[in-house]
Amino acid sequence: MQSFDYVRPTTAQEAVNAFARAAAGARYIAGGTTLYDLMKLN
């Protein structure tokens, strides 16, 4: 599984700020346990 940083913003502005500070190639993701299992495949 690739390493990743988990950010849990509580407002839309916090999400925008976190994304702006993130490394190139960062992206928003959402989901539950299925998403976590799929992340292990990469």
N, C-alpha and C. Protein backbone atom coordinates (compact mmCIF):
# COMPACT_ATOMS: atom_id res chain seq x y z
N MET A 1 0.85 -1.18 0.00
CA MET A 1 0.00 0.00 0.00
C MET A 1 0.89 1.24 0.00
N GLN A 2 0.54 2.19 -0.82
CA GLN A 2 1.30 3.43 -0.86
C GLN A 2 1.01 4.25 0.39
N SER A 3 2.03 4.98 0.86
CA SER A 3 1.81 5.84 2.02
C SER A 3 0.96 7.04 1.61
N PHE A 4 0.24 7.59 2.57
CA PHE A 4 -0.60 8.75 2.30
C PHE A 4 -0.80 9.53 3.58
N ASP A 5 -1.17 10.77 3.43
CA ASP A 5 -1.51 11.63 4.57
C ASP A 5 -3.02 11.73 4.63
N TYR A 6 -3.54 11.56 5.82
CA TYR A 6 -4.99 11.64 6.03
C TYR A 6 -5.30 12.99 6.66
N VAL A 7 -6.18 13.74 6.05
CA VAL A 7 -6.59 15.05 6.57
C VAL A 7 -8.10 15.03 6.71
N ARG A 8 -8.58 15.50 7.83
CA ARG A 8 -10.03 15.51 8.06
C ARG A 8 -10.50 16.93 8.39
N PRO A 9 -10.66 17.75 7.38
CA PRO A 9 -11.10 19.13 7.61
C PRO A 9 -12.55 19.16 8.08
N THR A 10 -12.86 20.19 8.84
CA THR A 10 -14.23 20.33 9.34
C THR A 10 -15.01 21.39 8.58
N THR A 11 -14.32 22.15 7.74
CA THR A 11 -15.01 23.15 6.92
C THR A 11 -14.49 23.06 5.49
N ALA A 12 -15.25 23.64 4.58
CA ALA A 12 -14.81 23.67 3.18
C ALA A 12 -13.51 24.46 3.04
N GLN A 13 -13.37 25.54 3.78
CA GLN A 13 -12.16 26.35 3.70
C GLN A 13 -10.94 25.57 4.18
N GLU A 14 -11.08 24.78 5.23
CA GLU A 14 -9.97 23.94 5.70
C GLU A 14 -9.59 22.93 4.62
N ALA A 15 -10.56 22.39 3.92
CA ALA A 15 -10.27 21.43 2.84
C ALA A 15 -9.51 22.11 1.71
N VAL A 16 -9.92 23.30 1.35
CA VAL A 16 -9.23 24.04 0.29
C VAL A 16 -7.80 24.36 0.71
N ASN A 17 -7.61 24.80 1.94
CA ASN A 17 -6.27 25.13 2.44
C ASN A 17 -5.38 23.90 2.48
N ALA A 18 -5.90 22.78 2.94
CA ALA A 18 -5.11 21.55 3.01
C ALA A 18 -4.70 21.10 1.61
N PHE A 19 -5.60 21.22 0.67
CA PHE A 19 -5.31 20.83 -0.71
C PHE A 19 -4.23 21.74 -1.30
N ALA A 20 -4.29 23.02 -0.98
CA ALA A 20 -3.30 23.98 -1.49
C ALA A 20 -1.91 23.67 -0.95
N ARG A 21 -1.82 23.17 0.28
CA ARG A 21 -0.53 22.83 0.90
C ARG A 21 -0.01 21.47 0.48
N ALA A 22 -0.84 20.66 -0.11
CA ALA A 22 -0.49 19.27 -0.44
C ALA A 22 0.52 19.19 -1.58
N ALA A 23 1.19 18.06 -1.64
CA ALA A 23 2.17 17.81 -2.70
C ALA A 23 1.49 17.66 -4.05
N ALA A 24 2.28 17.79 -5.09
CA ALA A 24 1.75 17.61 -6.45
C ALA A 24 1.15 16.21 -6.56
N GLY A 25 0.05 16.12 -7.26
CA GLY A 25 -0.62 14.83 -7.42
C GLY A 25 -1.63 14.53 -6.33
N ALA A 26 -1.79 15.45 -5.39
CA ALA A 26 -2.77 15.24 -4.32
C ALA A 26 -4.17 15.26 -4.90
N ARG A 27 -5.08 14.58 -4.24
CA ARG A 27 -6.47 14.56 -4.70
C ARG A 27 -7.40 14.31 -3.54
N TYR A 28 -8.64 14.72 -3.73
CA TYR A 28 -9.69 14.45 -2.75
C TYR A 28 -10.18 13.03 -2.98
N ILE A 29 -10.40 12.31 -1.91
CA ILE A 29 -11.03 10.99 -2.02
C ILE A 29 -12.07 10.86 -0.92
N ALA A 30 -13.05 10.04 -1.15
CA ALA A 30 -14.08 9.79 -0.15
C ALA A 30 -14.57 8.36 -0.33
N GLY A 31 -14.96 7.76 0.73
CA GLY A 31 -15.47 6.41 0.64
C GLY A 31 -15.36 5.71 1.98
N GLY A 32 -15.66 4.46 1.97
CA GLY A 32 -15.62 3.69 3.20
C GLY A 32 -14.61 2.57 3.13
N THR A 33 -14.95 1.45 3.68
CA THR A 33 -14.01 0.34 3.77
C THR A 33 -13.63 -0.22 2.41
N THR A 34 -14.50 -0.15 1.44
CA THR A 34 -14.15 -0.64 0.11
C THR A 34 -13.03 0.20 -0.49
N LEU A 35 -13.09 1.50 -0.30
CA LEU A 35 -12.03 2.37 -0.81
C LEU A 35 -10.70 2.00 -0.17
N TYR A 36 -10.69 1.77 1.11
CA TYR A 36 -9.46 1.39 1.81
C TYR A 36 -8.89 0.11 1.23
N ASP A 37 -9.71 -0.87 0.96
CA ASP A 37 -9.24 -2.13 0.36
C ASP A 37 -8.66 -1.89 -1.03
N LEU A 38 -9.29 -1.04 -1.82
CA LEU A 38 -8.78 -0.75 -3.16
C LEU A 38 -7.45 -0.03 -3.10
N MET A 39 -7.25 0.82 -2.10
CA MET A 39 -5.98 1.53 -1.96
C MET A 39 -4.83 0.56 -1.71
N LYS A 40 -5.11 -0.55 -1.08
CA LYS A 40 -4.07 -1.54 -0.80
C LYS A 40 -3.55 -2.18 -2.08
N LEU A 41 -4.35 -2.18 -3.14
CA LEU A 41 -3.96 -2.83 -4.38
C LEU A 41 -2.92 -2.03 -5.15
N ASN A 42 -2.79 -0.75 -4.89
CA ASN A 42 -1.83 0.09 -5.63
C ASN A 42 -0.47 0.04 -4.99
